[in-house]
Amino acid sequence: MSMCAAAANLTSPPEGNIGRVLENTAIAFIVVLTVLVILRYCARYTAKTPWGWEDLLIPFAYLSNLGICVVSIGRSLEYLG
């Protein structure tokens, strides 16, 4: 463990553990984000508008957010378990 983590007392869960709240929030973000990305591409397809550079970056943003949510769920389960 690093000296910074020991100095900040990050070795144990904080008082009033909010692991379940973090887990539920991460799951909600996964669901909402997935629905919005699907709707975005369906709208582009339906409207037959040309694809732009932002349409190419959306999958990378989606995967980044998905990764953050998975890590958050893992951390909350670590504190709860």
Protein backbone atom coordinates (compact mmCIF):
# COMPACT_ATOMS: atom_id res chain seq x y z
CA MET A 1 0.00 0.00 0.00
CA SER A 2 1.27 3.46 -0.79
CA MET A 3 2.10 6.02 1.86
CA CYS A 4 -0.63 8.33 0.53
CA ALA A 5 -3.31 5.67 1.04
CA ALA A 6 -2.07 4.97 4.56
CA ALA A 7 -1.97 8.68 5.39
CA ALA A 8 -5.49 9.18 4.10
CA ASN A 9 -6.68 6.13 6.08
CA LEU A 10 -8.00 4.42 2.94
CA THR A 11 -7.35 0.95 4.26
CA SER A 12 -10.86 0.42 5.66
CA PRO A 13 -14.32 1.38 4.47
CA PRO A 14 -15.52 4.80 5.56
CA GLU A 15 -18.09 5.30 8.29
CA GLY A 16 -21.63 4.96 6.97
CA ASN A 17 -20.68 2.66 4.09
CA ILE A 18 -22.61 3.62 0.96
CA GLY A 19 -21.55 0.62 -1.14
CA ARG A 20 -25.10 -0.31 -2.13
CA VAL A 21 -25.85 3.25 -3.24
CA LEU A 22 -22.72 3.28 -5.40
CA GLU A 23 -23.60 -0.12 -6.86
CA ASN A 24 -27.18 0.91 -7.68
CA THR A 25 -26.04 4.18 -9.22
CA ALA A 26 -23.49 2.41 -11.42
CA ILE A 27 -26.11 -0.09 -12.60
CA ALA A 28 -28.53 2.73 -13.38
CA PHE A 29 -25.85 4.53 -15.41
CA ILE A 30 -25.10 1.34 -17.36
CA VAL A 31 -28.77 0.86 -18.25
CA VAL A 32 -29.48 4.50 -19.11
CA LEU A 33 -26.29 4.95 -21.10
CA THR A 34 -26.89 1.77 -23.10
CA VAL A 35 -30.43 2.85 -23.98
CA LEU A 36 -29.27 6.33 -25.00
CA VAL A 37 -26.46 5.05 -27.21
CA ILE A 38 -28.84 2.64 -28.95
CA LEU A 39 -31.40 5.43 -29.45
CA ARG A 40 -28.70 7.71 -30.85
CA TYR A 41 -27.68 5.22 -33.53
CA CYS A 42 -31.31 4.33 -34.30
CA ALA A 43 -32.12 8.01 -34.77
CA ARG A 44 -29.14 8.46 -37.09
CA TYR A 45 -30.21 5.45 -39.11
CA THR A 46 -33.87 6.48 -39.26
CA ALA A 47 -33.17 10.11 -40.18
CA LYS A 48 -30.54 9.01 -42.72
CA THR A 49 -28.21 11.78 -41.64
CA PRO A 50 -24.51 11.54 -42.43
CA TRP A 51 -22.26 10.20 -39.72
CA GLY A 52 -19.80 12.57 -38.13
CA TRP A 53 -16.67 12.22 -36.06
CA GLU A 54 -18.73 12.19 -32.84
CA ASP A 55 -20.44 8.98 -34.00
CA LEU A 56 -17.04 7.33 -34.16
CA LEU A 57 -16.09 8.49 -30.65
CA ILE A 58 -19.30 7.37 -28.93
CA PRO A 59 -18.25 3.68 -28.63
CA PHE A 60 -15.00 4.71 -26.92
CA ALA A 61 -16.88 6.95 -24.48
CA TYR A 62 -19.40 4.18 -23.87
CA LEU A 63 -16.67 1.63 -23.10
CA SER A 64 -14.87 4.10 -20.82
CA ASN A 65 -18.02 4.79 -18.84
CA LEU A 66 -18.84 1.09 -18.73
CA GLY A 67 -15.36 0.41 -17.34
CA ILE A 68 -15.77 3.04 -14.63
CA CYS A 69 -19.13 1.56 -13.64
CA VAL A 70 -17.72 -1.97 -13.48
CA VAL A 71 -14.81 -0.81 -11.31
CA SER A 72 -17.25 1.04 -9.04
CA ILE A 73 -19.41 -2.06 -8.66
CA GLY A 74 -16.31 -4.12 -7.90
CA ARG A 75 -15.17 -1.67 -5.24
CA SER A 76 -18.61 -1.53 -3.63
CA LEU A 77 -18.76 -5.35 -3.51
CA GLU A 78 -15.30 -5.39 -1.95
CA TYR A 79 -16.50 -3.10 0.85
CA LEU A 80 -19.75 -5.02 1.32
CA GLY A 81 -18.24 -8.51 1.17
